[in-house]
Amino acid sequence: MVTTTAPLDDYHRHAGAALAPLTAADILCAGEVAELLHVPVSTVHDWARRGVLPSRKIGRRRLYIRQQIEAVLLGGDELR
C-alpha cells in the first residue's frame, strides 16, 4: 500500500519544463533530510507527519524528494 502526502505531480509542476527523471540521489531518507536542515531526525519525522515537509510513505518507510525539500526552503514555507 502506497500513501502519498504530496502528489508526484507537484514535483513535476515545480521542476519546470526541463524535467529530468528522478535518480537515487534525488531520494532522501529522514537522516539525510535532517543533515540537510541541521535538525534532529525526530523533527523531520514530526514535520513530515504534520505535512510541513513533503514526503512519500511507502510501506513503513517515508522518503523525501530533494527538489521538494529545497522548494520548501527556497519558498519560505513554514519550517518551525
Protein backbone atom coordinates (compact mmCIF):
# COMPACT_ATOMS: atom_id res chain seq x y z
CA MET A 1 0.00 0.00 0.00
CA VAL A 2 1.35 3.40 -1.00
CA THR A 3 0.24 6.53 0.80
CA THR A 4 1.31 9.90 -0.52
CA THR A 5 1.36 13.13 1.42
CA ALA A 6 2.20 15.25 -1.62
CA PRO A 7 1.35 14.25 -5.19
CA LEU A 8 4.23 13.47 -7.51
CA ASP A 9 2.53 15.85 -9.94
CA ASP A 10 3.63 18.67 -7.61
CA TYR A 11 7.24 17.64 -8.25
CA HIS A 12 6.67 17.84 -11.98
CA ARG A 13 4.94 21.22 -11.71
CA HIS A 14 7.71 22.76 -9.58
CA ALA A 15 10.55 21.22 -11.55
CA GLY A 16 9.75 23.20 -14.69
CA ALA A 17 9.80 22.29 -18.36
CA ALA A 18 13.23 20.62 -18.49
CA LEU A 19 12.28 17.76 -16.19
CA ALA A 20 14.88 15.08 -15.64
CA PRO A 21 13.82 11.67 -14.29
CA LEU A 22 14.38 11.05 -10.60
CA THR A 23 17.61 9.31 -9.66
CA ALA A 24 18.67 7.62 -6.43
CA ALA A 25 20.45 10.85 -5.46
CA ASP A 26 17.10 12.70 -5.59
CA ILE A 27 15.50 10.43 -2.99
CA LEU A 28 16.42 11.15 0.63
CA CYS A 29 15.74 9.32 3.88
CA ALA A 30 14.87 11.18 7.09
CA GLY A 31 18.50 11.12 8.27
CA GLU A 32 19.70 12.82 5.10
CA VAL A 33 16.97 15.47 5.35
CA ALA A 34 17.91 16.04 9.00
CA GLU A 35 21.54 16.62 7.99
CA LEU A 36 20.49 18.99 5.23
CA LEU A 37 18.27 21.02 7.57
CA HIS A 38 20.52 20.70 10.65
CA VAL A 39 17.70 19.36 12.82
CA PRO A 40 17.18 16.06 14.68
CA VAL A 41 15.71 13.12 12.75
CA SER A 42 12.73 13.13 15.13
CA THR A 43 11.93 16.68 13.99
CA VAL A 44 11.98 15.59 10.34
CA HIS A 45 9.57 12.74 11.15
CA ASP A 46 7.29 15.13 13.04
CA TRP A 47 7.29 17.72 10.23
CA ALA A 48 6.52 15.02 7.66
CA ARG A 49 3.62 13.63 9.72
CA ARG A 50 2.18 17.15 10.12
CA GLY A 51 2.63 17.97 6.43
CA VAL A 52 5.26 20.67 6.96
CA LEU A 53 7.69 18.71 4.79
CA PRO A 54 6.51 16.91 1.65
CA SER A 55 7.17 13.17 1.76
CA ARG A 56 6.05 9.81 0.44
CA LYS A 57 5.21 6.91 2.69
CA ILE A 58 5.94 3.58 1.03
CA GLY A 59 5.18 0.72 3.35
CA ARG A 60 6.88 1.60 6.63
CA ARG A 61 9.41 3.92 5.01
CA ARG A 62 8.99 7.63 4.50
CA LEU A 63 11.01 9.09 1.64
CA TYR A 64 11.68 12.65 0.58
CA ILE A 65 12.39 14.17 -2.84
CA ARG A 66 15.34 16.54 -2.64
CA GLN A 67 13.82 19.10 -5.02
CA GLN A 68 10.65 19.31 -2.93
CA ILE A 69 12.64 19.86 0.27
CA GLU A 70 14.69 22.55 -1.45
CA ALA A 71 11.46 24.18 -2.73
CA VAL A 72 10.17 24.40 0.85
CA LEU A 73 13.40 26.10 1.91
CA LEU A 74 13.53 28.48 -1.05
CA GLY A 75 9.83 29.23 -0.97
CA GLY A 76 9.90 30.31 2.64
CA ASP A 77 7.13 27.91 3.60
CA GLU A 78 6.73 27.49 7.33
CA LEU A 79 9.55 25.45 8.75
CA ARG A 80 9.47 25.60 12.53
